[in-house]
PDB file of N, CA and C in Angstrom:
ATOM      1  N   MET A   1       0.841  -1.183   0.000  1.00  0.00           N
ATOM      2  CA  MET A   1       0.000   0.000   0.000  1.00  0.00           C
ATOM      3  C   MET A   1       0.884   1.243   0.000  1.00  0.00           C
ATOM      4  N   LYS A   2       0.363   2.313  -0.532  1.00  0.00           N
ATOM      5  CA  LYS A   2       1.084   3.570  -0.639  1.00  0.00           C
ATOM      6  C   LYS A   2       1.405   4.125   0.744  1.00  0.00           C
ATOM      7  N   LYS A   3       2.621   4.627   0.884  1.00  0.00           N
ATOM      8  CA  LYS A   3       3.024   5.261   2.138  1.00  0.00           C
ATOM      9  C   LYS A   3       2.435   6.665   2.202  1.00  0.00           C
ATOM     10  N   THR A   4       2.335   7.246   3.387  1.00  0.00           N
ATOM     11  CA  THR A   4       1.695   8.544   3.550  1.00  0.00           C
ATOM     12  C   THR A   4       2.473   9.671   2.875  1.00  0.00           C
ATOM     13  N   ASN A   5       3.791   9.573   2.820  1.00  0.00           N
ATOM     14  CA  ASN A   5       4.600  10.638   2.209  1.00  0.00           C
ATOM     15  C   ASN A   5       4.899  10.365   0.736  1.00  0.00           C
ATOM     16  N   GLU A   6       4.235   9.383   0.137  1.00  0.00           N
ATOM     17  CA  GLU A   6       4.474   8.985  -1.245  1.00  0.00           C
ATOM     18  C   GLU A   6       3.281   9.406  -2.106  1.00  0.00           C
ATOM     19  N   THR A   7       3.548   9.950  -3.296  1.00  0.00           N
ATOM     20  CA  THR A   7       2.461  10.311  -4.202  1.00  0.00           C
ATOM     21  C   THR A   7       2.005   9.076  -4.969  1.00  0.00           C
ATOM     22  N   TRP A   8       0.814   9.156  -5.554  1.00  0.00           N
ATOM     23  CA  TRP A   8       0.309   8.027  -6.324  1.00  0.00           C
ATOM     24  C   TRP A   8       1.169   7.780  -7.544  1.00  0.00           C
ATOM     25  N   SER A   9       1.686   8.816  -8.175  1.00  0.00           N
ATOM     26  CA  SER A   9       2.535   8.611  -9.353  1.00  0.00           C
ATOM     27  C   SER A   9       3.816   7.878  -8.970  1.00  0.00           C
ATOM     28  N   GLU A  10       4.387   8.184  -7.809  1.00  0.00           N
ATOM     29  CA  GLU A  10       5.572   7.473  -7.333  1.00  0.00           C
ATOM     30  C   GLU A  10       5.234   6.015  -7.022  1.00  0.00           C
ATOM     31  N   TYR A  11       4.089   5.788  -6.384  1.00  0.00           N
ATOM     32  CA  TYR A  11       3.685   4.427  -6.034  1.00  0.00           C
ATOM     33  C   TYR A  11       3.444   3.580  -7.286  1.00  0.00           C
ATOM     34  N   LEU A  12       2.727   4.139  -8.275  1.00  0.00           N
ATOM     35  CA  LEU A  12       2.413   3.389  -9.487  1.00  0.00           C
ATOM     36  C   LEU A  12       3.646   3.121 -10.342  1.00  0.00           C
ATOM     37  N   ALA A  13       4.708   3.910 -10.183  1.00  0.00           N
ATOM     38  CA  ALA A  13       5.952   3.700 -10.927  1.00  0.00           C
ATOM     39  C   ALA A  13       6.953   2.834 -10.168  1.00  0.00           C
ATOM     40  N   ASN A  14       6.738   2.585  -8.880  1.00  0.00           N
ATOM     41  CA  ASN A  14       7.656   1.831  -8.046  1.00  0.00           C
ATOM     42  C   ASN A  14       7.531   0.334  -8.344  1.00  0.00           C
ATOM     43  N   ARG A  15       8.577  -0.276  -8.895  1.00  0.00           N
ATOM     44  CA  ARG A  15       8.546  -1.692  -9.260  1.00  0.00           C
ATOM     45  C   ARG A  15       8.432  -2.602  -8.032  1.00  0.00           C
ATOM     46  N   ASN A  16       8.998  -2.219  -6.906  1.00  0.00           N
ATOM     47  CA  ASN A  16       8.900  -3.049  -5.706  1.00  0.00           C
ATOM     48  C   ASN A  16       7.483  -3.069  -5.151  1.00  0.00           C
ATOM     49  N   ALA A  17       6.777  -1.961  -5.242  1.00  0.00           N
ATOM     50  CA  ALA A  17       5.416  -1.887  -4.716  1.00  0.00           C
ATOM     51  C   ALA A  17       4.409  -2.538  -5.648  1.00  0.00           C
ATOM     52  N   THR A  18       4.733  -2.603  -6.923  1.00  0.00           N
ATOM     53  CA  THR A  18       3.758  -3.111  -7.891  1.00  0.00           C
ATOM     54  C   THR A  18       4.164  -4.455  -8.496  1.00  0.00           C
ATOM     55  N   LYS A  19       5.066  -5.189  -7.862  1.00  0.00           N
ATOM     56  CA  LYS A  19       5.490  -6.469  -8.424  1.00  0.00           C
ATOM     57  C   LYS A  19       4.380  -7.516  -8.352  1.00  0.00           C
ATOM     58  N   ASN A  20       3.472  -7.380  -7.397  1.00  0.00           N
ATOM     59  CA  ASN A  20       2.320  -8.271  -7.309  1.00  0.00           C
ATOM     60  C   ASN A  20       1.151  -7.648  -8.067  1.00  0.00           C
ATOM     61  N   PRO A  21       0.291  -8.464  -8.670  1.00  0.00           N
ATOM     62  CA  PRO A  21      -0.852  -7.917  -9.416  1.00  0.00           C
ATOM     63  C   PRO A  21      -1.767  -7.086  -8.519  1.00  0.00           C
ATOM     64  N   LYS A  22      -2.294  -6.019  -9.080  1.00  0.00           N
ATOM     65  CA  LYS A  22      -3.228  -5.144  -8.358  1.00  0.00           C
ATOM     66  C   LYS A  22      -4.543  -5.097  -9.131  1.00  0.00           C
ATOM     67  N   ASN A  23      -5.646  -5.010  -8.423  1.00  0.00           N
ATOM     68  CA  ASN A  23      -6.961  -4.870  -9.035  1.00  0.00           C
ATOM     69  C   ASN A  23      -7.375  -3.410  -8.987  1.00  0.00           C
ATOM     70  N   PHE A  24      -7.792  -2.891 -10.136  1.00  0.00           N
ATOM     71  CA  PHE A  24      -8.268  -1.520 -10.230  1.00  0.00           C
ATOM     72  C   PHE A  24      -9.702  -1.531 -10.723  1.00  0.00           C
ATOM     73  N   ASN A  25     -10.489  -0.601 -10.243  1.00  0.00           N
ATOM     74  CA  ASN A  25     -11.857  -0.414 -10.693  1.00  0.00           C
ATOM     75  C   ASN A  25     -11.958   1.034 -11.151  1.00  0.00           C
ATOM     76  N   VAL A  26     -12.132   1.223 -12.459  1.00  0.00           N
ATOM     77  CA  VAL A  26     -12.096   2.565 -13.034  1.00  0.00           C
ATOM     78  C   VAL A  26     -13.329   2.765 -13.901  1.00  0.00           C
ATOM     79  N   THR A  27     -13.939   3.948 -13.809  1.00  0.00           N
ATOM     80  CA  THR A  27     -15.052   4.310 -14.676  1.00  0.00           C
ATOM     81  C   THR A  27     -14.543   5.289 -15.718  1.00  0.00           C
ATOM     82  N   PHE A  28     -14.718   4.930 -16.993  1.00  0.00           N
ATOM     83  CA  PHE A  28     -14.306   5.788 -18.100  1.00  0.00           C
ATOM     84  C   PHE A  28     -15.521   6.460 -18.705  1.00  0.00           C
ATOM     85  N   LEU A  29     -15.328   7.680 -19.198  1.00  0.00           N
ATOM     86  CA  LEU A  29     -16.344   8.398 -19.947  1.00  0.00           C
ATOM     87  C   LEU A  29     -15.766   8.669 -21.323  1.00  0.00           C
ATOM     88  N   ARG A  30     -16.493   8.280 -22.361  1.00  0.00           N
ATOM     89  CA  ARG A  30     -15.995   8.508 -23.715  1.00  0.00           C
ATOM     90  C   ARG A  30     -16.527   9.843 -24.229  1.00  0.00           C
ATOM     91  N   GLN A  31     -15.615  10.703 -24.639  1.00  0.00           N
ATOM     92  CA  GLN A  31     -15.950  12.022 -25.155  1.00  0.00           C
ATOM     93  C   GLN A  31     -16.443  11.898 -26.601  1.00  0.00           C
ATOM     94  N   PRO A  32     -17.189  12.910 -27.109  1.00  0.00           N
ATOM     95  CA  PRO A  32     -17.662  12.869 -28.492  1.00  0.00           C
ATOM     96  C   PRO A  32     -16.540  12.758 -29.527  1.00  0.00           C
ATOM     97  N   ASN A  33     -15.335  13.234 -29.195  1.00  0.00           N
ATOM     98  CA  ASN A  33     -14.216  13.146 -30.139  1.00  0.00           C
ATOM     99  C   ASN A  33     -13.515  11.790 -30.088  1.00  0.00           C
ATOM    100  N   GLY A  34     -13.983  10.860 -29.254  1.00  0.00           N
ATOM    101  CA  GLY A  34     -13.428   9.513 -29.193  1.00  0.00           C
ATOM    102  C   GLY A  34     -12.446   9.277 -28.067  1.00  0.00           C
ATOM    103  N   GLU A  35     -12.010  10.316 -27.374  1.00  0.00           N
ATOM    104  CA  GLU A  35     -11.066  10.151 -26.265  1.00  0.00           C
ATOM    105  C   GLU A  35     -11.789   9.632 -25.026  1.00  0.00           C
ATOM    106  N   PHE A  36     -11.036   8.898 -24.206  1.00  0.00           N
ATOM    107  CA  PHE A  36     -11.576   8.388 -22.946  1.00  0.00           C
ATOM    108  C   PHE A  36     -11.102   9.262 -21.794  1.00  0.00           C
ATOM    109  N   GLU A  37     -11.968   9.424 -20.810  1.00  0.00           N
ATOM    110  CA  GLU A  37     -11.667  10.242 -19.632  1.00  0.00           C
ATOM    111  C   GLU A  37     -11.988   9.405 -18.398  1.00  0.00           C
ATOM    112  N   ILE A  38     -11.069   9.378 -17.444  1.00  0.00           N
ATOM    113  CA  ILE A  38     -11.305   8.673 -16.180  1.00  0.00           C
ATOM    114  C   ILE A  38     -12.125   9.588 -15.274  1.00  0.00           C
ATOM    115  N   GLN A  39     -13.214   9.061 -14.757  1.00  0.00           N
ATOM    116  CA  GLN A  39     -14.051   9.833 -13.853  1.00  0.00           C
ATOM    117  C   GLN A  39     -13.328  10.017 -12.522  1.00  0.00           C
ATOM    118  N   GLY A  40     -13.357  11.228 -11.999  1.00  0.00           N
ATOM    119  CA  GLY A  40     -12.572  11.638 -10.846  1.00  0.00           C
ATOM    120  C   GLY A  40     -12.599  10.747  -9.630  1.00  0.00           C
ATOM    121  N   HIS A  41     -13.766  10.524  -9.037  1.00  0.00           N
ATOM    122  CA  HIS A  41     -13.811   9.776  -7.779  1.00  0.00           C
ATOM    123  C   HIS A  41     -14.135   8.303  -7.995  1.00  0.00           C
ATOM    124  N   SER A  42     -13.973   7.835  -9.228  1.00  0.00           N
ATOM    125  CA  SER A  42     -14.292   6.448  -9.531  1.00  0.00           C
ATOM    126  C   SER A  42     -13.067   5.579  -9.748  1.00  0.00           C
ATOM    127  N   ALA A  43     -11.872   6.107  -9.549  1.00  0.00           N
ATOM    128  CA  ALA A  43     -10.641   5.340  -9.713  1.00  0.00           C
ATOM    129  C   ALA A  43     -10.287   4.716  -8.362  1.00  0.00           C
ATOM    130  N   LEU A  44     -10.388   3.380  -8.286  1.00  0.00           N
ATOM    131  CA  LEU A  44     -10.160   2.673  -7.038  1.00  0.00           C
ATOM    132  C   LEU A  44      -9.151   1.551  -7.232  1.00  0.00           C
ATOM    133  N   MET A  45      -8.421   1.224  -6.160  1.00  0.00           N
ATOM    134  CA  MET A  45      -7.487   0.109  -6.157  1.00  0.00           C
ATOM    135  C   MET A  45      -7.795  -0.758  -4.941  1.00  0.00           C
ATOM    136  N   GLU A  46      -7.805  -2.072  -5.142  1.00  0.00           N
ATOM    137  CA  GLU A  46      -8.073  -2.998  -4.044  1.00  0.00           C
ATOM    138  C   GLU A  46      -6.773  -3.289  -3.310  1.00  0.00           C
ATOM    139  N   THR A  47      -6.790  -3.080  -2.007  1.00  0.00           N
ATOM    140  CA  THR A  47      -5.632  -3.422  -1.186  1.00  0.00           C
ATOM    141  C   THR A  47      -5.996  -4.625  -0.320  1.00  0.00           C
ATOM    142  N   LYS A  48      -5.106  -5.607  -0.303  1.00  0.00           N
ATOM    143  CA  LYS A  48      -5.340  -6.824   0.459  1.00  0.00           C
ATOM    144  C   LYS A  48      -4.363  -6.863   1.618  1.00  0.00           C
ATOM    145  N   THR A  49      -4.920  -7.000   2.812  1.00  0.00           N
ATOM    146  CA  THR A  49      -4.117  -7.097   4.020  1.00  0.00           C
ATOM    147  C   THR A  49      -4.561  -8.340   4.772  1.00  0.00           C
ATOM    148  N   GLY A  50      -3.705  -9.325   4.793  1.00  0.00           N
ATOM    149  CA  GLY A  50      -4.072 -10.574   5.459  1.00  0.00           C
ATOM    150  C   GLY A  50      -5.243 -11.218   4.747  1.00  0.00           C
ATOM    151  N   GLY A  51      -6.329 -11.457   5.460  1.00  0.00           N
ATOM    152  CA  GLY A  51      -7.517 -12.077   4.878  1.00  0.00           C
ATOM    153  C   GLY A  51      -8.572 -11.089   4.450  1.00  0.00           C
ATOM    154  N   SER A  52      -8.319  -9.795   4.642  1.00  0.00           N
ATOM    155  CA  SER A  52      -9.330  -8.796   4.292  1.00  0.00           C
ATOM    156  C   SER A  52      -8.842  -7.911   3.152  1.00  0.00           C
ATOM    157  N   SER A  53      -9.781  -7.227   2.536  1.00  0.00           N
ATOM    158  CA  SER A  53      -9.424  -6.303   1.471  1.00  0.00           C
ATOM    159  C   SER A  53     -10.338  -5.090   1.539  1.00  0.00           C
ATOM    160  N   GLU A  54      -9.852  -3.984   0.993  1.00  0.00           N
ATOM    161  CA  GLU A  54     -10.655  -2.765   0.928  1.00  0.00           C
ATOM    162  C   GLU A  54     -10.283  -2.008  -0.344  1.00  0.00           C
ATOM    163  N   TRP A  55     -11.185  -1.151  -0.804  1.00  0.00           N
ATOM    164  CA  TRP A  55     -10.956  -0.335  -1.989  1.00  0.00           C
ATOM    165  C   TRP A  55     -10.561   1.061  -1.549  1.00  0.00           C
ATOM    166  N   VAL A  56      -9.446   1.566  -2.084  1.00  0.00           N
ATOM    167  CA  VAL A  56      -8.975   2.915  -1.760  1.00  0.00           C
ATOM    168  C   VAL A  56      -8.960   3.758  -3.035  1.00  0.00           C
ATOM    169  N   ARG A  57      -9.176   5.040  -2.887  1.00  0.00           N
ATOM    170  CA  ARG A  57      -9.169   5.941  -4.027  1.00  0.00           C
ATOM    171  C   ARG A  57      -7.760   6.155  -4.546  1.00  0.00           C
ATOM    172  N   VAL A  58      -7.650   6.245  -5.857  1.00  0.00           N
ATOM    173  CA  VAL A  58      -6.381   6.507  -6.527  1.00  0.00           C
ATOM    174  C   VAL A  58      -6.535   7.824  -7.272  1.00  0.00           C
ATOM    175  N   ALA A  59      -5.466   8.612  -7.325  1.00  0.00           N
ATOM    176  CA  ALA A  59      -5.497   9.859  -8.076  1.00  0.00           C
ATOM    177  C   ALA A  59      -5.705   9.522  -9.557  1.00  0.00           C
ATOM    178  N   PRO A  60      -6.804   9.971 -10.168  1.00  0.00           N
ATOM    179  CA  PRO A  60      -7.097   9.576 -11.548  1.00  0.00           C
ATOM    180  C   PRO A  60      -6.063  10.052 -12.559  1.00  0.00           C
ATOM    181  N   ARG A  61      -5.481  11.215 -12.371  1.00  0.00           N
ATOM    182  CA  ARG A  61      -4.457  11.701 -13.306  1.00  0.00           C
ATOM    183  C   ARG A  61      -3.210  10.830 -13.267  1.00  0.00           C
ATOM    184  N   ASP A  62      -2.816  10.425 -12.077  1.00  0.00           N
ATOM    185  CA  ASP A  62      -1.633   9.566 -11.948  1.00  0.00           C
ATOM    186  C   ASP A  62      -1.899   8.180 -12.521  1.00  0.00           C
ATOM    187  N   LEU A  63      -3.115   7.662 -12.327  1.00  0.00           N
ATOM    188  CA  LEU A  63      -3.465   6.367 -12.899  1.00  0.00           C
ATOM    189  C   LEU A  63      -3.511   6.456 -14.426  1.00  0.00           C
ATOM    190  N   ALA A  64      -4.063   7.533 -14.963  1.00  0.00           N
ATOM    191  CA  ALA A  64      -4.107   7.714 -16.418  1.00  0.00           C
ATOM    192  C   ALA A  64      -2.699   7.808 -16.994  1.00  0.00           C
ATOM    193  N   ARG A  65      -1.798   8.490 -16.307  1.00  0.00           N
ATOM    194  CA  ARG A  65      -0.410   8.594 -16.755  1.00  0.00           C
ATOM    195  C   ARG A  65       0.260   7.223 -16.752  1.00  0.00           C
ATOM    196  N   ALA A  66       0.002   6.424 -15.722  1.00  0.00           N
ATOM    197  CA  ALA A  66       0.580   5.080 -15.652  1.00  0.00           C
ATOM    198  C   ALA A  66       0.029   4.197 -16.771  1.00  0.00           C
ATOM    199  N   LEU A  67      -1.266   4.324 -17.077  1.00  0.00           N
ATOM    200  CA  LEU A  67      -1.852   3.564 -18.181  1.00  0.00           C
ATOM    201  C   LEU A  67      -1.250   3.976 -19.511  1.00  0.00           C
ATOM    202  N   LYS A  68      -1.030   5.268 -19.677  1.00  0.00           N
ATOM    203  CA  LYS A  68      -0.458   5.769 -20.930  1.00  0.00           C
ATOM    204  C   LYS A  68       0.986   5.297 -21.101  1.00  0.00           C
ATOM    205  N   MET A  69       1.757   5.290 -20.021  1.00  0.00           N
ATOM    206  CA  MET A  69       3.174   4.902 -20.094  1.00  0.00           C
ATOM    207  C   MET A  69       3.341   3.392 -20.272  1.00  0.00           C
ATOM    208  N   ASN A  70       2.486   2.588 -19.627  1.00  0.00           N
ATOM    209  CA  ASN A  70       2.649   1.133 -19.627  1.00  0.00           C
ATOM    210  C   ASN A  70       1.735   0.416 -20.605  1.00  0.00           C
ATOM    211  N   GLY A  71       0.648   1.040 -20.984  1.00  0.00           N
ATOM    212  CA  GLY A  71      -0.286   0.414 -21.904  1.00  0.00           C
ATOM    213  C   GLY A  71      -1.223  -0.555 -21.205  1.00  0.00           C
ATOM    214  N   ILE A  72      -2.159  -1.096 -21.980  1.00  0.00           N
ATOM    215  CA  ILE A  72      -3.137  -2.049 -21.474  1.00  0.00           C
ATOM    216  C   ILE A  72      -3.050  -3.300 -22.319  1.00  0.00           C
ATOM    217  N   THR A  73      -3.056  -4.463 -21.676  1.00  0.00           N
ATOM    218  CA  THR A  73      -3.054  -5.732 -22.400  1.00  0.00           C
ATOM    219  C   THR A  73      -4.289  -6.527 -21.983  1.00  0.00           C
ATOM    220  N   THR A  74      -4.676  -7.471 -22.788  1.00  0.00           N
ATOM    221  CA  THR A  74      -5.794  -8.346 -22.457  1.00  0.00           C
ATOM    222  C   THR A  74      -5.269  -9.763 -22.289  1.00  0.00           C
ATOM    223  N   LYS A  75      -5.941 -10.525 -21.460  1.00  0.00           N
ATOM    224  CA  LYS A  75      -5.544 -11.919 -21.230  1.00  0.00           C
ATOM    225  C   LYS A  75      -6.735 -12.802 -21.354  1.00  0.00           C
TER     226      LYS A  75
END
């Protein structure tokens, strides 16, 4: 999980923090020109601690930047 003095962009770029798969729940809005926009308070990441899990908010701009830099793949 992100440390208190760490920004979301630093956390999403940190290979040690993201070596395990993470679940994200994001709501996109498609603009009339075809571009996608992440809805502000709808970007969430699931954090698992022991046997429990919770959804925490992620900064949508930092998540969009990470998606743009790393791309999206399907499995």
